[in-house]
Protein backbone atom coordinates (compact mmCIF):
# COMPACT_ATOMS: atom_id res chain seq x y z
CA UNK A 1 25.36 -27.77 47.65
CA UNK A 2 22.53 -26.43 46.40
CA UNK A 3 18.74 -27.90 46.59
CA UNK A 4 16.22 -28.23 43.86
CA UNK A 5 13.44 -27.33 46.71
CA UNK A 6 13.63 -25.72 49.75
CA UNK A 7 12.62 -25.83 52.82
CA UNK A 8 9.13 -26.31 53.69
CA UNK A 9 7.31 -26.01 50.47
CA UNK A 10 8.12 -26.90 46.23
CA UNK A 11 9.80 -25.16 43.62
CA UNK A 12 8.05 -22.10 42.21
CA UNK A 13 8.65 -20.10 39.47
CA UNK A 14 5.56 -17.52 40.35
CA UNK A 15 7.86 -13.97 41.82
CA UNK A 16 4.34 -13.74 44.24
CA UNK A 17 5.53 -16.28 46.43
CA UNK A 18 8.94 -15.69 46.17
CA UNK A 19 10.98 -16.44 49.59
CA UNK A 20 14.58 -16.25 50.80
CA UNK A 21 16.40 -19.51 51.24
CA UNK A 22 18.44 -20.38 53.72
CA UNK A 23 21.09 -22.17 52.27
CA UNK A 24 20.97 -21.21 48.67
CA UNK A 25 21.46 -17.35 46.51
CA UNK A 26 20.84 -15.89 43.15
CA UNK A 27 23.06 -18.24 40.48
CA UNK A 28 23.13 -14.89 38.23
CA UNK A 29 24.05 -11.80 41.04
CA UNK A 30 25.10 -14.35 43.61
CA UNK A 31 22.88 -12.47 46.68
CA UNK A 32 21.74 -14.43 49.61
CA UNK A 33 19.37 -12.31 51.52
CA UNK A 34 17.15 -11.98 48.11
CA UNK A 35 13.41 -13.91 47.63
CA UNK A 36 14.07 -16.43 45.19
CA UNK A 37 12.85 -18.51 42.38
CA UNK A 38 13.65 -21.16 39.72
CA UNK A 39 13.36 -20.40 36.17
CA UNK A 40 11.07 -22.17 33.69
CA UNK A 41 13.42 -22.37 30.81
CA UNK A 42 17.26 -23.43 32.77
CA UNK A 43 15.96 -24.19 36.22
CA UNK A 44 17.94 -22.32 37.59
CA UNK A 45 17.84 -20.62 41.26
CA UNK A 46 17.09 -16.79 40.17
CA UNK A 47 16.24 -13.52 42.49
CA UNK A 48 13.08 -11.77 42.32
CA UNK A 49 11.67 -8.33 43.65
CA UNK A 50 7.81 -9.36 44.92
CA UNK A 51 6.97 -6.13 44.96
CA UNK A 52 6.87 -5.18 41.22
CA UNK A 53 4.33 -7.48 39.44
CA UNK A 54 2.92 -5.96 36.66
CA UNK A 55 5.45 -3.31 35.04
CA UNK A 56 9.37 -4.30 36.60
CA UNK A 57 10.87 -6.25 37.95
CA UNK A 58 12.44 -3.48 40.97
CA UNK A 59 16.36 -4.24 38.89
CA UNK A 60 16.28 -7.70 39.78
CA UNK A 61 18.30 -10.96 38.30
CA UNK A 62 14.58 -12.40 37.01
CA UNK A 63 13.08 -9.33 35.32
CA UNK A 64 15.99 -8.88 33.17
CA UNK A 65 16.43 -12.82 32.92
CA UNK A 66 12.51 -12.81 31.55
CA UNK A 67 13.12 -10.03 29.47
CA UNK A 68 16.37 -9.89 28.23
CA UNK A 69 17.97 -13.47 27.89
CA UNK A 70 18.28 -15.24 24.70
CA UNK A 71 17.79 -18.80 27.42
CA UNK A 72 13.86 -17.51 28.14
CA UNK A 73 13.46 -16.07 25.04
CA UNK A 74 14.55 -19.78 23.37
CA UNK A 75 12.11 -21.42 26.04
CA UNK A 76 9.27 -18.50 24.86
CA UNK A 77 9.39 -19.94 21.81
CA UNK A 78 9.51 -23.38 21.58
CA UNK A 79 12.61 -24.20 20.02
CA UNK A 80 14.14 -27.15 21.18
CA UNK A 81 17.54 -28.70 22.84
CA UNK A 82 19.99 -25.43 24.36
CA UNK A 83 19.76 -22.57 23.57
CA UNK A 84 23.47 -22.56 22.81
CA UNK A 85 22.71 -24.26 19.81
CA UNK A 86 19.48 -23.06 18.66
CA UNK A 87 20.19 -22.56 14.63
CA UNK A 88 16.45 -20.60 15.23
CA UNK A 89 17.85 -18.39 17.77
CA UNK A 90 21.38 -17.50 16.03
CA UNK A 91 19.58 -16.80 13.20
CA UNK A 92 17.21 -14.62 15.09
CA UNK A 93 19.23 -12.66 17.39
CA UNK A 94 21.61 -12.55 14.27
CA UNK A 95 25.84 -13.55 14.56
CA UNK A 96 26.72 -10.47 17.02
CA UNK A 97 24.43 -11.05 19.07
CA UNK A 98 24.06 -14.18 19.74
CA UNK A 99 27.27 -14.68 20.07
CA UNK A 100 27.82 -12.16 22.89
CA UNK A 101 25.32 -14.06 24.61
CA UNK A 102 27.39 -16.34 25.88
CA UNK A 103 28.80 -14.07 28.26
CA UNK A 104 26.01 -12.44 28.73
CA UNK A 105 24.85 -12.35 33.03
CA UNK A 106 21.24 -12.18 31.76
CA UNK A 107 22.00 -15.70 29.93
CA UNK A 108 24.32 -17.54 32.17
CA UNK A 109 24.70 -18.07 35.93
CA UNK A 110 27.79 -17.20 37.20
CA UNK A 111 27.40 -18.13 40.66
CA UNK A 112 26.17 -21.88 40.47
């Protein structure tokens, strides 16, 4: 069972505060050794690379999720409800891209 709070501290979405958490893993790639943060959009543990703060995420899931996912786009645009049911996201992305998002690894956690 996973915890919403790491041992010894509050949950963070700040990649500078990311640390590996015993017993936790990235819900997107499954990495158990990577530094983890919670996504602000879907409240999932996600791995991040604290080495690259400004320009890129070093290949970690947080960078991809923030740059390429409908989930994070929906959150940033402050659309109501879930991205999966969002008419605005559907309209903005078009039928094909919106439907592809349902199976895309940057949108959907695979290792919950």
